[in-house]
PDB file of N, CA and C in Angstrom:
ATOM      1  N   MET A   1      12.782 -12.039 -17.746  1.00  0.00           N
ATOM      2  CA  MET A   1      11.623 -13.180 -17.331  1.00  0.00           C
ATOM      3  C   MET A   1      11.001 -11.856 -16.623  1.00  0.00           C
ATOM      4  N   LEU A   2       9.716 -11.288 -16.864  1.00  0.00           N
ATOM      5  CA  LEU A   2       9.247 -10.496 -15.969  1.00  0.00           C
ATOM      6  C   LEU A   2       8.451 -10.865 -15.144  1.00  0.00           C
ATOM      7  N   ASN A   3       8.335  -9.970 -13.779  1.00  0.00           N
ATOM      8  CA  ASN A   3       8.456 -10.719 -12.158  1.00  0.00           C
ATOM      9  C   ASN A   3       7.347  -9.074 -11.688  1.00  0.00           C
ATOM     10  N   SER A   4       5.824  -9.085 -11.595  1.00  0.00           N
ATOM     11  CA  SER A   4       4.928  -8.485 -10.928  1.00  0.00           C
ATOM     12  C   SER A   4       4.997  -8.895  -9.050  1.00  0.00           C
ATOM     13  N   VAL A   5       5.456  -7.554  -9.122  1.00  0.00           N
ATOM     14  CA  VAL A   5       6.008  -7.616  -7.424  1.00  0.00           C
ATOM     15  C   VAL A   5       5.147  -6.025  -7.088  1.00  0.00           C
ATOM     16  N   GLU A   6       4.013  -6.250  -5.974  1.00  0.00           N
ATOM     17  CA  GLU A   6       2.560  -5.084  -5.266  1.00  0.00           C
ATOM     18  C   GLU A   6       3.523  -4.117  -4.042  1.00  0.00           C
ATOM     19  N   GLY A   7       4.003  -2.941  -3.629  1.00  0.00           N
ATOM     20  CA  GLY A   7       4.318  -2.195  -3.424  1.00  0.00           C
ATOM     21  C   GLY A   7       3.244  -0.954  -3.005  1.00  0.00           C
ATOM     22  N   VAL A   8       4.488  -0.247  -1.998  1.00  0.00           N
ATOM     23  CA  VAL A   8       3.092   0.835  -2.093  1.00  0.00           C
ATOM     24  C   VAL A   8       3.937   1.750  -1.505  1.00  0.00           C
ATOM     25  N   TYR A   9       3.870   2.930  -2.181  1.00  0.00           N
ATOM     26  CA  TYR A   9       4.838   4.598  -2.368  1.00  0.00           C
ATOM     27  C   TYR A   9       4.464   5.653  -0.849  1.00  0.00           C
ATOM     28  N   ARG A  10       5.631   5.336  -0.433  1.00  0.00           N
ATOM     29  CA  ARG A  10       5.024   6.149   0.837  1.00  0.00           C
ATOM     30  C   ARG A  10       6.498   7.135   1.538  1.00  0.00           C
ATOM     31  N   ASP A  11       6.786   8.172   1.916  1.00  0.00           N
ATOM     32  CA  ASP A  11       7.906   9.448   2.190  1.00  0.00           C
ATOM     33  C   ASP A  11       8.922   9.047   0.942  1.00  0.00           C
ATOM     34  N   GLY A  12       8.281   9.188  -0.454  1.00  0.00           N
ATOM     35  CA  GLY A  12       9.737   9.489  -0.778  1.00  0.00           C
ATOM     36  C   GLY A  12       9.336   8.099  -1.412  1.00  0.00           C
ATOM     37  N   LYS A  13       9.788   6.652  -0.605  1.00  0.00           N
ATOM     38  CA  LYS A  13      10.016   5.542  -1.250  1.00  0.00           C
ATOM     39  C   LYS A  13       9.078   4.142  -1.553  1.00  0.00           C
ATOM     40  N   ILE A  14       9.724   3.316  -2.073  1.00  0.00           N
ATOM     41  CA  ILE A  14       8.709   2.206  -2.222  1.00  0.00           C
ATOM     42  C   ILE A  14       8.964   0.852  -1.573  1.00  0.00           C
ATOM     43  N   GLU A  15       7.893   0.470  -0.970  1.00  0.00           N
ATOM     44  CA  GLU A  15       8.035  -0.566  -0.035  1.00  0.00           C
ATOM     45  C   GLU A  15       7.295  -1.837  -0.194  1.00  0.00           C
ATOM     46  N   LEU A  16       8.544  -3.004  -1.135  1.00  0.00           N
ATOM     47  CA  LEU A  16       8.048  -4.105  -1.149  1.00  0.00           C
ATOM     48  C   LEU A  16       6.354  -5.003  -0.612  1.00  0.00           C
ATOM     49  N   LEU A  17       5.791  -5.331  -1.368  1.00  0.00           N
ATOM     50  CA  LEU A  17       4.865  -5.980  -0.203  1.00  0.00           C
ATOM     51  C   LEU A  17       5.476  -7.630   0.128  1.00  0.00           C
ATOM     52  N   GLU A  18       5.957  -8.140  -0.767  1.00  0.00           N
ATOM     53  CA  GLU A  18       6.513  -9.495  -0.696  1.00  0.00           C
ATOM     54  C   GLU A  18       7.630  -9.415  -1.263  1.00  0.00           C
ATOM     55  N   PRO A  19       8.584 -10.116  -1.264  1.00  0.00           N
ATOM     56  CA  PRO A  19       9.982 -10.910  -1.595  1.00  0.00           C
ATOM     57  C   PRO A  19      10.553 -11.150  -2.984  1.00  0.00           C
ATOM     58  N   VAL A  20      11.121 -10.207  -3.785  1.00  0.00           N
ATOM     59  CA  VAL A  20      11.578 -10.545  -4.563  1.00  0.00           C
ATOM     60  C   VAL A  20      13.094 -11.635  -4.748  1.00  0.00           C
ATOM     61  N   SER A  21      12.645 -12.515  -5.614  1.00  0.00           N
ATOM     62  CA  SER A  21      13.611 -13.589  -6.098  1.00  0.00           C
ATOM     63  C   SER A  21      14.849 -13.171  -7.323  1.00  0.00           C
ATOM     64  N   MET A  22      15.795 -13.185  -7.500  1.00  0.00           N
ATOM     65  CA  MET A  22      16.438 -12.745  -8.637  1.00  0.00           C
ATOM     66  C   MET A  22      17.775 -13.515  -8.627  1.00  0.00           C
ATOM     67  N   ASP A  23      18.367 -14.309  -9.850  1.00  0.00           N
ATOM     68  CA  ASP A  23      19.152 -14.998  -9.921  1.00  0.00           C
ATOM     69  C   ASP A  23      20.409 -13.534  -9.647  1.00  0.00           C
ATOM     70  N   ALA A  24      20.478 -12.591  -9.807  1.00  0.00           N
ATOM     71  CA  ALA A  24      22.130 -11.916 -10.413  1.00  0.00           C
ATOM     72  C   ALA A  24      20.500 -10.326 -10.100  1.00  0.00           C
ATOM     73  N   PRO A  25      22.450  -9.486  -9.848  1.00  0.00           N
ATOM     74  CA  PRO A  25      21.641  -8.100  -9.723  1.00  0.00           C
ATOM     75  C   PRO A  25      20.919  -7.620 -11.344  1.00  0.00           C
ATOM     76  N   GLY A  26      19.663  -6.681 -11.418  1.00  0.00           N
ATOM     77  CA  GLY A  26      19.724  -6.722 -12.361  1.00  0.00           C
ATOM     78  C   GLY A  26      18.707  -5.503 -12.949  1.00  0.00           C
ATOM     79  N   ARG A  27      17.965  -5.087 -13.448  1.00  0.00           N
ATOM     80  CA  ARG A  27      17.252  -3.977 -13.654  1.00  0.00           C
ATOM     81  C   ARG A  27      15.673  -3.974 -13.231  1.00  0.00           C
ATOM     82  N   ALA A  28      14.983  -2.750 -12.631  1.00  0.00           N
ATOM     83  CA  ALA A  28      13.606  -3.154 -12.839  1.00  0.00           C
ATOM     84  C   ALA A  28      12.884  -1.735 -13.206  1.00  0.00           C
ATOM     85  N   ILE A  29      11.229  -2.060 -13.385  1.00  0.00           N
ATOM     86  CA  ILE A  29      10.853  -1.797 -14.293  1.00  0.00           C
ATOM     87  C   ILE A  29       8.968  -0.641 -12.990  1.00  0.00           C
ATOM     88  N   VAL A  30       9.300   0.356 -12.528  1.00  0.00           N
ATOM     89  CA  VAL A  30       8.276   1.017 -11.787  1.00  0.00           C
ATOM     90  C   VAL A  30       7.137   1.723 -12.118  1.00  0.00           C
ATOM     91  N   THR A  31       6.041   0.925 -11.832  1.00  0.00           N
ATOM     92  CA  THR A  31       4.788   1.616 -13.040  1.00  0.00           C
ATOM     93  C   THR A  31       3.566   1.955 -11.646  1.00  0.00           C
ATOM     94  N   SER A  32       3.344   3.083 -11.804  1.00  0.00           N
ATOM     95  CA  SER A  32       2.581   4.230 -10.993  1.00  0.00           C
ATOM     96  C   SER A  32       1.116   3.630 -10.578  1.00  0.00           C
ATOM     97  N   LEU A  33       0.191   3.237 -10.057  1.00  0.00           N
ATOM     98  CA  LEU A  33      -1.011   3.368  -9.654  1.00  0.00           C
ATOM     99  C   LEU A  33      -1.858   4.778  -9.382  1.00  0.00           C
ATOM    100  N   GLU A  34      -1.631   5.342  -9.343  1.00  0.00           N
ATOM    101  CA  GLU A  34      -2.614   7.088  -9.563  1.00  0.00           C
ATOM    102  C   GLU A  34      -3.141   6.387  -9.089  1.00  0.00           C
ATOM    103  N   GLY A  35      -4.377   6.939  -7.621  1.00  0.00           N
ATOM    104  CA  GLY A  35      -5.506   6.431  -7.740  1.00  0.00           C
ATOM    105  C   GLY A  35      -6.083   5.037  -7.510  1.00  0.00           C
ATOM    106  N   ALA A  36      -5.476   4.134  -7.627  1.00  0.00           N
ATOM    107  CA  ALA A  36      -5.975   3.258  -7.300  1.00  0.00           C
ATOM    108  C   ALA A  36      -6.452   3.019  -6.285  1.00  0.00           C
ATOM    109  N   SER A  37      -6.460   3.284  -5.205  1.00  0.00           N
ATOM    110  CA  SER A  37      -7.106   3.024  -3.764  1.00  0.00           C
ATOM    111  C   SER A  37      -7.297   3.657  -3.391  1.00  0.00           C
ATOM    112  N   LYS A  38      -7.654   5.210  -3.908  1.00  0.00           N
ATOM    113  CA  LYS A  38      -8.033   6.331  -3.473  1.00  0.00           C
ATOM    114  C   LYS A  38      -9.661   5.902  -3.197  1.00  0.00           C
ATOM    115  N   VAL A  39     -10.188   6.215  -1.830  1.00  0.00           N
ATOM    116  CA  VAL A  39     -11.812   5.651  -1.137  1.00  0.00           C
ATOM    117  C   VAL A  39     -12.429   7.314  -1.536  1.00  0.00           C
ATOM    118  N   ASP A  40     -13.616   7.457  -1.845  1.00  0.00           N
ATOM    119  CA  ASP A  40     -14.661   8.612  -2.054  1.00  0.00           C
ATOM    120  C   ASP A  40     -15.020   8.428  -0.609  1.00  0.00           C
ATOM    121  N   LEU A  41     -14.024   9.761   0.863  1.00  0.00           N
ATOM    122  CA  LEU A  41     -14.548   9.246   2.219  1.00  0.00           C
ATOM    123  C   LEU A  41     -16.387  10.440   2.081  1.00  0.00           C
ATOM    124  N   GLN A  42     -16.025  11.179   1.031  1.00  0.00           N
ATOM    125  CA  GLN A  42     -18.000  11.736   1.237  1.00  0.00           C
ATOM    126  C   GLN A  42     -18.594  11.043   1.111  1.00  0.00           C
ATOM    127  N   ALA A  43     -18.624  10.294  -0.351  1.00  0.00           N
ATOM    128  CA  ALA A  43     -19.439   9.674  -0.259  1.00  0.00           C
ATOM    129  C   ALA A  43     -19.781   8.557   0.694  1.00  0.00           C
ATOM    130  N   ARG A  44     -19.265   7.788   1.482  1.00  0.00           N
ATOM    131  CA  ARG A  44     -19.161   7.128   2.548  1.00  0.00           C
ATOM    132  C   ARG A  44     -19.600   8.168   3.663  1.00  0.00           C
ATOM    133  N   GLY A  45     -19.828   9.357   4.094  1.00  0.00           N
ATOM    134  CA  GLY A  45     -20.724   9.996   4.247  1.00  0.00           C
ATOM    135  C   GLY A  45     -19.254  10.941   5.608  1.00  0.00           C
ATOM    136  N   ILE A  46     -18.035  10.601   5.278  1.00  0.00           N
ATOM    137  CA  ILE A  46     -16.933  11.456   6.110  1.00  0.00           C
ATOM    138  C   ILE A  46     -16.115  12.465   5.633  1.00  0.00           C
ATOM    139  N   ASP A  47     -16.749  13.306   6.611  1.00  0.00           N
ATOM    140  CA  ASP A  47     -15.920  14.911   6.320  1.00  0.00           C
ATOM    141  C   ASP A  47     -13.878  14.678   6.227  1.00  0.00           C
ATOM    142  N   PRO A  48     -13.505  16.085   5.395  1.00  0.00           N
ATOM    143  CA  PRO A  48     -11.696  15.918   6.346  1.00  0.00           C
ATOM    144  C   PRO A  48     -11.436  15.485   7.807  1.00  0.00           C
ATOM    145  N   HIS A  49     -12.246  16.063   8.117  1.00  0.00           N
ATOM    146  CA  HIS A  49     -12.090  16.511   9.872  1.00  0.00           C
ATOM    147  C   HIS A  49     -12.213  14.550  10.459  1.00  0.00           C
ATOM    148  N   GLN A  50     -13.096  14.704  10.161  1.00  0.00           N
ATOM    149  CA  GLN A  50     -13.223  12.795  10.298  1.00  0.00           C
ATOM    150  C   GLN A  50     -12.537  11.863   9.846  1.00  0.00           C
ATOM    151  N   ALA A  51     -11.835  12.278   9.156  1.00  0.00           N
ATOM    152  CA  ALA A  51     -10.962  11.435   8.404  1.00  0.00           C
ATOM    153  C   ALA A  51      -9.182  11.787   8.951  1.00  0.00           C
ATOM    154  N   ALA A  52      -9.156  12.859   9.056  1.00  0.00           N
ATOM    155  CA  ALA A  52      -8.196  13.252   9.382  1.00  0.00           C
ATOM    156  C   ALA A  52      -7.733  12.762  11.210  1.00  0.00           C
ATOM    157  N   ASP A  53      -9.177  12.513  11.973  1.00  0.00           N
ATOM    158  CA  ASP A  53      -9.134  12.003  13.319  1.00  0.00           C
ATOM    159  C   ASP A  53      -9.084   9.971  13.165  1.00  0.00           C
ATOM    160  N   LEU A  54     -10.112  10.114  12.490  1.00  0.00           N
ATOM    161  CA  LEU A  54      -9.623   8.262  12.253  1.00  0.00           C
ATOM    162  C   LEU A  54      -8.134   7.943  12.022  1.00  0.00           C
ATOM    163  N   ARG A  55      -7.849   8.006  10.927  1.00  0.00           N
ATOM    164  CA  ARG A  55      -5.986   8.282  10.439  1.00  0.00           C
ATOM    165  C   ARG A  55      -4.946   8.015  11.771  1.00  0.00           C
ATOM    166  N   LYS A  56      -5.484   9.530  12.902  1.00  0.00           N
ATOM    167  CA  LYS A  56      -4.821   9.468  13.866  1.00  0.00           C
ATOM    168  C   LYS A  56      -5.070   8.380  14.675  1.00  0.00           C
ATOM    169  N   ARG A  57      -6.513   7.725  15.188  1.00  0.00           N
ATOM    170  CA  ARG A  57      -6.223   6.793  16.158  1.00  0.00           C
ATOM    171  C   ARG A  57      -6.490   5.617  15.600  1.00  0.00           C
ATOM    172  N   LEU A  58      -5.981   5.144  13.770  1.00  0.00           N
ATOM    173  CA  LEU A  58      -5.907   4.218  13.913  1.00  0.00           C
ATOM    174  C   LEU A  58      -4.591   4.093  12.967  1.00  0.00           C
ATOM    175  N   SER A  59      -3.617   5.091  12.832  1.00  0.00           N
ATOM    176  CA  SER A  59      -2.569   4.834  12.296  1.00  0.00           C
ATOM    177  C   SER A  59      -1.053   3.816  13.825  1.00  0.00           C
ATOM    178  N   THR A  60      -1.662   3.944  14.834  1.00  0.00           N
ATOM    179  CA  THR A  60      -1.035   2.943  16.173  1.00  0.00           C
ATOM    180  C   THR A  60      -0.939   1.065  15.302  1.00  0.00           C
ATOM    181  N   PHE A  61      -1.916   0.641  14.196  1.00  0.00           N
ATOM    182  CA  PHE A  61      -2.133  -0.453  13.348  1.00  0.00           C
ATOM    183  C   PHE A  61      -1.767   0.152  12.305  1.00  0.00           C
ATOM    184  N   ALA A  62      -0.948   0.507  11.571  1.00  0.00           N
ATOM    185  CA  ALA A  62      -0.984   0.914  10.285  1.00  0.00           C
ATOM    186  C   ALA A  62       0.385  -0.444  10.034  1.00  0.00           C
ATOM    187  N   ASP A  63       1.485  -0.075  10.664  1.00  0.00           N
ATOM    188  CA  ASP A  63       2.552  -1.693  10.643  1.00  0.00           C
ATOM    189  C   ASP A  63       1.907  -2.885  10.643  1.00  0.00           C
ATOM    190  N   ASP A  64       1.324  -3.870  11.525  1.00  0.00           N
ATOM    191  CA  ASP A  64       0.596  -4.558  11.205  1.00  0.00           C
ATOM    192  C   ASP A  64      -0.422  -4.369   9.811  1.00  0.00           C
ATOM    193  N   TRP A  65      -1.457  -3.795   9.248  1.00  0.00           N
ATOM    194  CA  TRP A  65      -1.636  -3.623   7.716  1.00  0.00           C
ATOM    195  C   TRP A  65      -0.603  -4.038   6.957  1.00  0.00           C
ATOM    196  N   GLU A  66       0.041  -2.994   6.743  1.00  0.00           N
ATOM    197  CA  GLU A  66       1.118  -3.168   6.251  1.00  0.00           C
ATOM    198  C   GLU A  66       2.383  -3.905   5.847  1.00  0.00           C
ATOM    199  N   HIS A  67       2.136  -4.680   7.055  1.00  0.00           N
ATOM    200  CA  HIS A  67       3.065  -6.220   6.770  1.00  0.00           C
ATOM    201  C   HIS A  67       3.108  -6.951   5.727  1.00  0.00           C
ATOM    202  N   PRO A  68       3.560  -7.705   4.761  1.00  0.00           N
ATOM    203  CA  PRO A  68       3.751  -7.734   3.772  1.00  0.00           C
ATOM    204  C   PRO A  68       2.812  -9.344   3.564  1.00  0.00           C
ATOM    205  N   GLY A  69       2.723 -10.560   4.490  1.00  0.00           N
ATOM    206  CA  GLY A  69       1.932 -11.310   4.757  1.00  0.00           C
ATOM    207  C   GLY A  69       0.117 -10.955   5.345  1.00  0.00           C
ATOM    208  N   MET A  70      -0.046  -9.782   5.629  1.00  0.00           N
ATOM    209  CA  MET A  70      -0.992  -9.406   5.036  1.00  0.00           C
ATOM    210  C   MET A  70      -2.079  -9.035   4.364  1.00  0.00           C
ATOM    211  N   ASN A  71      -1.265  -9.437   2.988  1.00  0.00           N
ATOM    212  CA  ASN A  71      -2.037  -9.170   1.494  1.00  0.00           C
ATOM    213  C   ASN A  71      -2.594 -11.134   1.641  1.00  0.00           C
ATOM    214  N   VAL A  72      -2.716 -11.958   1.787  1.00  0.00           N
ATOM    215  CA  VAL A  72      -3.355 -12.836   2.309  1.00  0.00           C
ATOM    216  C   VAL A  72      -4.594 -12.756   2.541  1.00  0.00           C
ATOM    217  N   TYR A  73      -5.404 -11.488   3.282  1.00  0.00           N
ATOM    218  CA  TYR A  73      -6.238 -11.267   3.736  1.00  0.00           C
ATOM    219  C   TYR A  73      -7.532 -10.670   2.968  1.00  0.00           C
ATOM    220  N   ASP A  74      -6.187 -10.141   2.117  1.00  0.00           N
ATOM    221  CA  ASP A  74      -7.257  -8.589   1.202  1.00  0.00           C
ATOM    222  C   ASP A  74      -8.302  -9.971   0.763  1.00  0.00           C
ATOM    223  N   ALA A  75      -8.075 -11.108   0.560  1.00  0.00           N
ATOM    224  CA  ALA A  75      -9.239 -12.218  -1.183  1.00  0.00           C
ATOM    225  C   ALA A  75     -10.430 -12.334  -0.193  1.00  0.00           C
ATOM    226  N   ILE A  76     -10.034 -11.900   0.829  1.00  0.00           N
ATOM    227  CA  ILE A  76     -11.770 -12.048   2.386  1.00  0.00           C
ATOM    228  C   ILE A  76     -12.286 -11.512   1.895  1.00  0.00           C
TER     229      ILE A  76
END
């Protein structure tokens, strides 16, 4: 049976955004979605300096935003 689970690649590791339930150890296939989450900042009027400043100031919230249970808010 195939089961798809979303994850985030960061610092050389893939962090799954939801638990995986398998009856026994098994193989997995990982597919990269490069560019799927990139945002055109220039089109939104944000230059690289502003982006770096925003990233630094908002980094304290990253753990909360990337918590597996928070994906329920993506559909809102």
